[in-house]
């Protein structure tokens, strides 16, 4: 049984249906890539904020320890003199 051929002899190219299907697949891939990129950017921002908060916390603890050490030395030195 011979199926009807929609292309004329010597014509090369794609049918409208093939183009529409390929565009649908391509648009699905592009949407997926953009969604993944968006989620990675959001995760990167959250990690950046956490790292900055940890840096500030560490700096505050170090300042508190240093100021406590300085005050401790001053009181020890005053106690030794008196």
PDB file of N, CA and C in Angstrom:
ATOM      1  N   UNK A   1       0.839  -1.172   0.000  1.00  0.00           N
ATOM      2  CA  UNK A   1       0.000   0.000   0.000  1.00  0.00           C
ATOM      3  C   UNK A   1       0.885   1.237   0.000  1.00  0.00           C
ATOM      4  N   UNK A   2       0.635   2.085  -0.922  1.00  0.00           N
ATOM      5  CA  UNK A   2       1.407   3.319  -1.037  1.00  0.00           C
ATOM      6  C   UNK A   2       0.697   4.454  -0.313  1.00  0.00           C
ATOM      7  N   UNK A   3       1.440   5.153   0.569  1.00  0.00           N
ATOM      8  CA  UNK A   3       0.888   6.315   1.249  1.00  0.00           C
ATOM      9  C   UNK A   3       1.092   7.543   0.374  1.00  0.00           C
ATOM     10  N   UNK A   4       0.159   8.479   0.437  1.00  0.00           N
ATOM     11  CA  UNK A   4       0.323   9.669  -0.391  1.00  0.00           C
ATOM     12  C   UNK A   4       1.499  10.517   0.090  1.00  0.00           C
ATOM     13  N   UNK A   5       2.231  11.046  -0.825  1.00  0.00           N
ATOM     14  CA  UNK A   5       3.380  11.889  -0.514  1.00  0.00           C
ATOM     15  C   UNK A   5       2.959  13.328  -0.721  1.00  0.00           C
ATOM     16  N   UNK A   6       3.217  14.178   0.277  1.00  0.00           N
ATOM     17  CA  UNK A   6       2.790  15.559   0.206  1.00  0.00           C
ATOM     18  C   UNK A   6       3.843  16.474  -0.399  1.00  0.00           C
ATOM     19  N   UNK A   7       5.016  15.965  -0.619  1.00  0.00           N
ATOM     20  CA  UNK A   7       6.072  16.771  -1.204  1.00  0.00           C
ATOM     21  C   UNK A   7       6.182  16.481  -2.691  1.00  0.00           C
ATOM     22  N   UNK A   8       6.453  17.516  -3.391  1.00  0.00           N
ATOM     23  CA  UNK A   8       6.676  17.335  -4.827  1.00  0.00           C
ATOM     24  C   UNK A   8       8.105  16.874  -5.067  1.00  0.00           C
ATOM     25  N   UNK A   9       8.310  16.241  -6.135  1.00  0.00           N
ATOM     26  CA  UNK A   9       9.652  15.762  -6.474  1.00  0.00           C
ATOM     27  C   UNK A   9      10.581  16.966  -6.631  1.00  0.00           C
ATOM     28  N   UNK A  10      11.744  16.894  -6.029  1.00  0.00           N
ATOM     29  CA  UNK A  10      12.723  17.961  -6.142  1.00  0.00           C
ATOM     30  C   UNK A  10      12.577  19.046  -5.093  1.00  0.00           C
ATOM     31  N   UNK A  11      11.523  19.004  -4.267  1.00  0.00           N
ATOM     32  CA  UNK A  11      11.353  20.011  -3.209  1.00  0.00           C
ATOM     33  C   UNK A  11      11.999  19.508  -1.929  1.00  0.00           C
ATOM     34  N   UNK A  12      12.828  20.327  -1.366  1.00  0.00           N
ATOM     35  CA  UNK A  12      13.450  20.005  -0.080  1.00  0.00           C
ATOM     36  C   UNK A  12      12.971  21.027   0.933  1.00  0.00           C
ATOM     37  N   UNK A  13      12.840  20.602   2.187  1.00  0.00           N
ATOM     38  CA  UNK A  13      12.416  21.523   3.226  1.00  0.00           C
ATOM     39  C   UNK A  13      11.558  20.814   4.250  1.00  0.00           C
ATOM     40  N   UNK A  14      11.013  21.603   5.154  1.00  0.00           N
ATOM     41  CA  UNK A  14      10.207  21.059   6.232  1.00  0.00           C
ATOM     42  C   UNK A  14       8.750  21.447   6.023  1.00  0.00           C
ATOM     43  N   UNK A  15       7.877  20.593   6.526  1.00  0.00           N
ATOM     44  CA  UNK A  15       6.456  20.940   6.472  1.00  0.00           C
ATOM     45  C   UNK A  15       6.136  21.856   7.644  1.00  0.00           C
ATOM     46  N   UNK A  16       4.990  22.493   7.581  1.00  0.00           N
ATOM     47  CA  UNK A  16       4.567  23.394   8.639  1.00  0.00           C
ATOM     48  C   UNK A  16       4.434  22.636   9.959  1.00  0.00           C
ATOM     49  N   UNK A  17       3.939  21.426   9.911  1.00  0.00           N
ATOM     50  CA  UNK A  17       3.777  20.622  11.114  1.00  0.00           C
ATOM     51  C   UNK A  17       5.133  20.326  11.766  1.00  0.00           C
ATOM     52  N   UNK A  18       6.126  19.996  10.972  1.00  0.00           N
ATOM     53  CA  UNK A  18       7.450  19.727  11.512  1.00  0.00           C
ATOM     54  C   UNK A  18       8.049  20.971  12.171  1.00  0.00           C
ATOM     55  N   UNK A  19       7.846  22.113  11.563  1.00  0.00           N
ATOM     56  CA  UNK A  19       8.361  23.366  12.120  1.00  0.00           C
ATOM     57  C   UNK A  19       7.656  23.681  13.438  1.00  0.00           C
ATOM     58  N   UNK A  20       6.345  23.508  13.498  1.00  0.00           N
ATOM     59  CA  UNK A  20       5.603  23.798  14.723  1.00  0.00           C
ATOM     60  C   UNK A  20       6.009  22.864  15.861  1.00  0.00           C
ATOM     61  N   UNK A  21       6.201  21.595  15.553  1.00  0.00           N
ATOM     62  CA  UNK A  21       6.620  20.643  16.581  1.00  0.00           C
ATOM     63  C   UNK A  21       8.020  20.986  17.086  1.00  0.00           C
ATOM     64  N   UNK A  22       8.914  21.324  16.188  1.00  0.00           N
ATOM     65  CA  UNK A  22      10.272  21.669  16.628  1.00  0.00           C
ATOM     66  C   UNK A  22      10.276  22.956  17.449  1.00  0.00           C
ATOM     67  N   UNK A  23       9.431  23.918  17.108  1.00  0.00           N
ATOM     68  CA  UNK A  23       9.334  25.147  17.895  1.00  0.00           C
ATOM     69  C   UNK A  23       8.761  24.869  19.286  1.00  0.00           C
ATOM     70  N   UNK A  24       7.809  23.984  19.374  1.00  0.00           N
ATOM     71  CA  UNK A  24       7.238  23.630  20.676  1.00  0.00           C
ATOM     72  C   UNK A  24       8.285  22.961  21.561  1.00  0.00           C
ATOM     73  N   UNK A  25       9.054  22.063  20.998  1.00  0.00           N
ATOM     74  CA  UNK A  25      10.111  21.388  21.762  1.00  0.00           C
ATOM     75  C   UNK A  25      11.174  22.398  22.186  1.00  0.00           C
ATOM     76  N   UNK A  26      11.579  23.254  21.284  1.00  0.00           N
ATOM     77  CA  UNK A  26      12.596  24.257  21.578  1.00  0.00           C
ATOM     78  C   UNK A  26      12.127  25.229  22.663  1.00  0.00           C
ATOM     79  N   UNK A  27      10.891  25.648  22.590  1.00  0.00           N
ATOM     80  CA  UNK A  27      10.385  26.571  23.618  1.00  0.00           C
ATOM     81  C   UNK A  27      10.304  25.884  24.974  1.00  0.00           C
ATOM     82  N   UNK A  28       9.959  24.616  25.014  1.00  0.00           N
ATOM     83  CA  UNK A  28       9.946  23.871  26.278  1.00  0.00           C
ATOM     84  C   UNK A  28      11.336  23.776  26.886  1.00  0.00           C
ATOM     85  N   UNK A  29      12.333  23.544  26.062  1.00  0.00           N
ATOM     86  CA  UNK A  29      13.711  23.467  26.545  1.00  0.00           C
ATOM     87  C   UNK A  29      14.169  24.829  27.070  1.00  0.00           C
ATOM     88  N   UNK A  30      13.842  25.895  26.367  1.00  0.00           N
ATOM     89  CA  UNK A  30      14.242  27.235  26.792  1.00  0.00           C
ATOM     90  C   UNK A  30      13.585  27.608  28.118  1.00  0.00           C
ATOM     91  N   UNK A  31      12.309  27.298  28.272  1.00  0.00           N
ATOM     92  CA  UNK A  31      11.615  27.591  29.536  1.00  0.00           C
ATOM     93  C   UNK A  31      12.242  26.808  30.680  1.00  0.00           C
ATOM     94  N   UNK A  32      12.591  25.566  30.441  1.00  0.00           N
ATOM     95  CA  UNK A  32      13.229  24.748  31.475  1.00  0.00           C
ATOM     96  C   UNK A  32      14.578  25.329  31.873  1.00  0.00           C
ATOM     97  N   UNK A  33      15.374  25.723  30.911  1.00  0.00           N
ATOM     98  CA  UNK A  33      16.689  26.303  31.200  1.00  0.00           C
ATOM     99  C   UNK A  33      16.540  27.595  31.999  1.00  0.00           C
ATOM    100  N   UNK A  34      15.605  28.451  31.617  1.00  0.00           N
ATOM    101  CA  UNK A  34      15.407  29.705  32.338  1.00  0.00           C
ATOM    102  C   UNK A  34      14.934  29.471  33.772  1.00  0.00           C
ATOM    103  N   UNK A  35      14.088  28.480  33.963  1.00  0.00           N
ATOM    104  CA  UNK A  35      13.613  28.153  35.310  1.00  0.00           C
ATOM    105  C   UNK A  35      14.760  27.668  36.191  1.00  0.00           C
ATOM    106  N   UNK A  36      15.594  26.809  35.653  1.00  0.00           N
ATOM    107  CA  UNK A  36      16.736  26.293  36.412  1.00  0.00           C
ATOM    108  C   UNK A  36      17.713  27.425  36.737  1.00  0.00           C
ATOM    109  N   UNK A  37      17.974  28.289  35.773  1.00  0.00           N
ATOM    110  CA  UNK A  37      18.877  29.411  36.015  1.00  0.00           C
ATOM    111  C   UNK A  37      18.329  30.334  37.099  1.00  0.00           C
ATOM    112  N   UNK A  38      17.034  30.592  37.065  1.00  0.00           N
ATOM    113  CA  UNK A  38      16.414  31.455  38.062  1.00  0.00           C
ATOM    114  C   UNK A  38      16.542  30.862  39.465  1.00  0.00           C
ATOM    115  N   UNK A  39      16.330  29.561  39.592  1.00  0.00           N
ATOM    116  CA  UNK A  39      16.445  28.934  40.910  1.00  0.00           C
ATOM    117  C   UNK A  39      17.888  28.944  41.397  1.00  0.00           C
ATOM    118  N   UNK A  40      18.852  28.791  40.495  1.00  0.00           N
ATOM    119  CA  UNK A  40      20.253  28.839  40.891  1.00  0.00           C
ATOM    120  C   UNK A  40      20.662  30.248  41.316  1.00  0.00           C
ATOM    121  N   UNK A  41      20.155  31.254  40.653  1.00  0.00           N
ATOM    122  CA  UNK A  41      20.461  32.632  41.031  1.00  0.00           C
ATOM    123  C   UNK A  41      19.898  32.929  42.413  1.00  0.00           C
ATOM    124  N   UNK A  42      18.670  32.488  42.679  1.00  0.00           N
ATOM    125  CA  UNK A  42      18.064  32.707  43.993  1.00  0.00           C
ATOM    126  C   UNK A  42      18.857  31.980  45.082  1.00  0.00           C
ATOM    127  N   UNK A  43      19.290  30.765  44.818  1.00  0.00           N
ATOM    128  CA  UNK A  43      20.074  30.015  45.797  1.00  0.00           C
ATOM    129  C   UNK A  43      21.418  30.700  46.034  1.00  0.00           C
ATOM    130  N   UNK A  44      22.012  31.228  45.002  1.00  0.00           N
ATOM    131  CA  UNK A  44      23.280  31.935  45.136  1.00  0.00           C
ATOM    132  C   UNK A  44      23.126  33.190  45.986  1.00  0.00           C
ATOM    133  N   UNK A  45      22.041  33.904  45.804  1.00  0.00           N
ATOM    134  CA  UNK A  45      21.788  35.101  46.614  1.00  0.00           C
ATOM    135  C   UNK A  45      21.619  34.733  48.090  1.00  0.00           C
ATOM    136  N   UNK A  46      20.878  33.662  48.358  1.00  0.00           N
ATOM    137  CA  UNK A  46      20.688  33.226  49.751  1.00  0.00           C
ATOM    138  C   UNK A  46      22.018  32.838  50.393  1.00  0.00           C
ATOM    139  N   UNK A  47      22.855  32.115  49.651  1.00  0.00           N
ATOM    140  CA  UNK A  47      24.147  31.711  50.184  1.00  0.00           C
ATOM    141  C   UNK A  47      25.049  32.916  50.420  1.00  0.00           C
ATOM    142  N   UNK A  48      24.976  33.884  49.550  1.00  0.00           N
ATOM    143  CA  UNK A  48      25.769  35.103  49.713  1.00  0.00           C
ATOM    144  C   UNK A  48      25.351  35.854  50.971  1.00  0.00           C
ATOM    145  N   UNK A  49      24.047  35.947  51.205  1.00  0.00           N
ATOM    146  CA  UNK A  49      23.553  36.614  52.411  1.00  0.00           C
ATOM    147  C   UNK A  49      23.976  35.868  53.668  1.00  0.00           C
ATOM    148  N   UNK A  50      23.924  34.546  53.641  1.00  0.00           N
ATOM    149  CA  UNK A  50      24.346  33.757  54.801  1.00  0.00           C
ATOM    150  C   UNK A  50      25.838  33.935  55.072  1.00  0.00           C
ATOM    151  N   UNK A  51      26.631  33.934  54.019  1.00  0.00           N
ATOM    152  CA  UNK A  51      28.066  34.104  54.192  1.00  0.00           C
ATOM    153  C   UNK A  51      28.380  35.479  54.776  1.00  0.00           C
ATOM    154  N   UNK A  52      27.675  36.499  54.311  1.00  0.00           N
ATOM    155  CA  UNK A  52      27.888  37.847  54.835  1.00  0.00           C
ATOM    156  C   UNK A  52      27.479  37.920  56.303  1.00  0.00           C
ATOM    157  N   UNK A  53      26.364  37.284  56.656  1.00  0.00           N
ATOM    158  CA  UNK A  53      25.912  37.274  58.049  1.00  0.00           C
ATOM    159  C   UNK A  53      26.921  36.543  58.932  1.00  0.00           C
ATOM    160  N   UNK A  54      27.460  35.441  58.452  1.00  0.00           N
ATOM    161  CA  UNK A  54      28.459  34.698  59.227  1.00  0.00           C
ATOM    162  C   UNK A  54      29.723  35.535  59.412  1.00  0.00           C
ATOM    163  N   UNK A  55      30.109  36.260  58.382  1.00  0.00           N
ATOM    164  CA  UNK A  55      31.281  37.120  58.480  1.00  0.00           C
ATOM    165  C   UNK A  55      31.066  38.218  59.514  1.00  0.00           C
ATOM    166  N   UNK A  56      29.894  38.842  59.496  1.00  0.00           N
ATOM    167  CA  UNK A  56      29.593  39.877  60.482  1.00  0.00           C
ATOM    168  C   UNK A  56      29.560  39.313  61.897  1.00  0.00           C
ATOM    169  N   UNK A  57      28.982  38.135  62.059  1.00  0.00           N
ATOM    170  CA  UNK A  57      28.918  37.512  63.382  1.00  0.00           C
ATOM    171  C   UNK A  57      30.317  37.183  63.896  1.00  0.00           C
ATOM    172  N   UNK A  58      31.148  36.635  63.029  1.00  0.00           N
ATOM    173  CA  UNK A  58      32.512  36.298  63.433  1.00  0.00           C
ATOM    174  C   UNK A  58      33.283  37.558  63.816  1.00  0.00           C
ATOM    175  N   UNK A  59      33.096  38.618  63.058  1.00  0.00           N
ATOM    176  CA  UNK A  59      33.772  39.878  63.352  1.00  0.00           C
ATOM    177  C   UNK A  59      33.319  40.445  64.700  1.00  0.00           C
ATOM    178  N   UNK A  60      32.027  40.360  64.976  1.00  0.00           N
ATOM    179  CA  UNK A  60      31.505  40.854  66.255  1.00  0.00           C
ATOM    180  C   UNK A  60      32.048  40.051  67.427  1.00  0.00           C
ATOM    181  N   UNK A  61      32.129  38.749  67.271  1.00  0.00           N
ATOM    182  CA  UNK A  61      32.669  37.904  68.343  1.00  0.00           C
ATOM    183  C   UNK A  61      34.137  38.230  68.573  1.00  0.00           C
ATOM    184  N   UNK A  62      34.901  38.401  67.507  1.00  0.00           N
ATOM    185  CA  UNK A  62      36.315  38.726  67.658  1.00  0.00           C
ATOM    186  C   UNK A  62      36.501  40.078  68.335  1.00  0.00           C
ATOM    187  N   UNK A  63      35.686  41.059  67.962  1.00  0.00           N
ATOM    188  CA  UNK A  63      35.770  42.370  68.612  1.00  0.00           C
ATOM    189  C   UNK A  63      35.441  42.271  70.095  1.00  0.00           C
ATOM    190  N   UNK A  64      34.418  41.480  70.427  1.00  0.00           N
ATOM    191  CA  UNK A  64      34.044  41.314  71.834  1.00  0.00           C
ATOM    192  C   UNK A  64      35.155  40.630  72.609  1.00  0.00           C
ATOM    193  N   UNK A  65      35.772  39.616  71.998  1.00  0.00           N
ATOM    194  CA  UNK A  65      36.868  38.927  72.682  1.00  0.00           C
ATOM    195  C   UNK A  65      38.066  39.844  72.871  1.00  0.00           C
ATOM    196  N   UNK A  66      38.378  40.619  71.846  1.00  0.00           N
ATOM    197  CA  UNK A  66      39.516  41.531  71.957  1.00  0.00           C
ATOM    198  C   UNK A  66      39.266  42.625  72.985  1.00  0.00           C
ATOM    199  N   UNK A  67      38.065  43.179  72.995  1.00  0.00           N
ATOM    200  CA  UNK A  67      37.778  44.234  73.968  1.00  0.00           C
ATOM    201  C   UNK A  67      37.753  43.655  75.374  1.00  0.00           C
ATOM    202  N   UNK A  68      37.282  42.443  75.549  1.00  0.00           N
ATOM    203  CA  UNK A  68      37.297  41.776  76.854  1.00  0.00           C
ATOM    204  C   UNK A  68      38.711  41.496  77.309  1.00  0.00           C
ATOM    205  N   UNK A  69      39.561  41.109  76.393  1.00  0.00           N
ATOM    206  CA  UNK A  69      40.952  40.831  76.736  1.00  0.00           C
ATOM    207  C   UNK A  69      41.664  42.113  77.142  1.00  0.00           C
ATOM    208  N   UNK A  70      41.383  43.201  76.439  1.00  0.00           N
ATOM    209  CA  UNK A  70      42.001  44.487  76.779  1.00  0.00           C
ATOM    210  C   UNK A  70      41.565  44.943  78.170  1.00  0.00           C
ATOM    211  N   UNK A  71      40.273  44.828  78.451  1.00  0.00           N
ATOM    212  CA  UNK A  71      39.761  45.252  79.754  1.00  0.00           C
ATOM    213  C   UNK A  71      40.304  44.359  80.858  1.00  0.00           C
ATOM    214  N   UNK A  72      40.455  43.093  80.586  1.00  0.00           N
ATOM    215  CA  UNK A  72      41.006  42.162  81.570  1.00  0.00           C
ATOM    216  C   UNK A  72      42.447  42.502  81.903  1.00  0.00           C
ATOM    217  N   UNK A  73      43.234  42.883  80.926  1.00  0.00           N
ATOM    218  CA  UNK A  73      44.626  43.252  81.165  1.00  0.00           C
ATOM    219  C   UNK A  73      44.705  44.532  81.993  1.00  0.00           C
ATOM    220  N   UNK A  74      43.808  45.461  81.716  1.00  0.00           N
ATOM    221  CA  UNK A  74      43.823  46.725  82.457  1.00  0.00           C
ATOM    222  C   UNK A  74      43.493  46.484  83.930  1.00  0.00           C
ATOM    223  N   UNK A  75      42.519  45.639  84.203  1.00  0.00           N
ATOM    224  CA  UNK A  75      42.154  45.395  85.601  1.00  0.00           C
ATOM    225  C   UNK A  75      43.254  44.595  86.311  1.00  0.00           C
ATOM    226  N   UNK A  76      43.911  43.695  85.576  1.00  0.00           N
ATOM    227  CA  UNK A  76      45.007  42.941  86.190  1.00  0.00           C
ATOM    228  C   UNK A  76      46.165  43.881  86.515  1.00  0.00           C
ATOM    229  N   UNK A  77      46.458  44.780  85.562  1.00  0.00           N
ATOM    230  CA  UNK A  77      47.569  45.714  85.786  1.00  0.00           C
ATOM    231  C   UNK A  77      47.253  46.660  86.940  1.00  0.00           C
ATOM    232  N   UNK A  78      46.021  47.093  87.049  1.00  0.00           N
ATOM    233  CA  UNK A  78      45.641  47.973  88.162  1.00  0.00           C
ATOM    234  C   UNK A  78      45.714  47.218  89.486  1.00  0.00           C
ATOM    235  N   UNK A  79      45.369  45.949  89.489  1.00  0.00           N
ATOM    236  CA  UNK A  79      45.426  45.156  90.720  1.00  0.00           C
ATOM    237  C   UNK A  79      46.855  44.904  91.160  1.00  0.00           C
ATOM    238  N   UNK A  80      47.753  44.750  90.227  1.00  0.00           N
ATOM    239  CA  UNK A  80      49.145  44.519  90.584  1.00  0.00           C
ATOM    240  C   UNK A  80      49.793  45.768  91.156  1.00  0.00           C
ATOM    241  N   UNK A  81      49.374  46.921  90.685  1.00  0.00           N
ATOM    242  CA  UNK A  81      49.971  48.164  91.166  1.00  0.00           C
ATOM    243  C   UNK A  81      49.525  48.479  92.597  1.00  0.00           C
ATOM    244  N   UNK A  82      48.295  48.147  92.881  1.00  0.00           N
ATOM    245  CA  UNK A  82      47.758  48.574  94.168  1.00  0.00           C
ATOM    246  C   UNK A  82      47.989  47.630  95.229  1.00  0.00           C
TER     247      UNK A  82
END
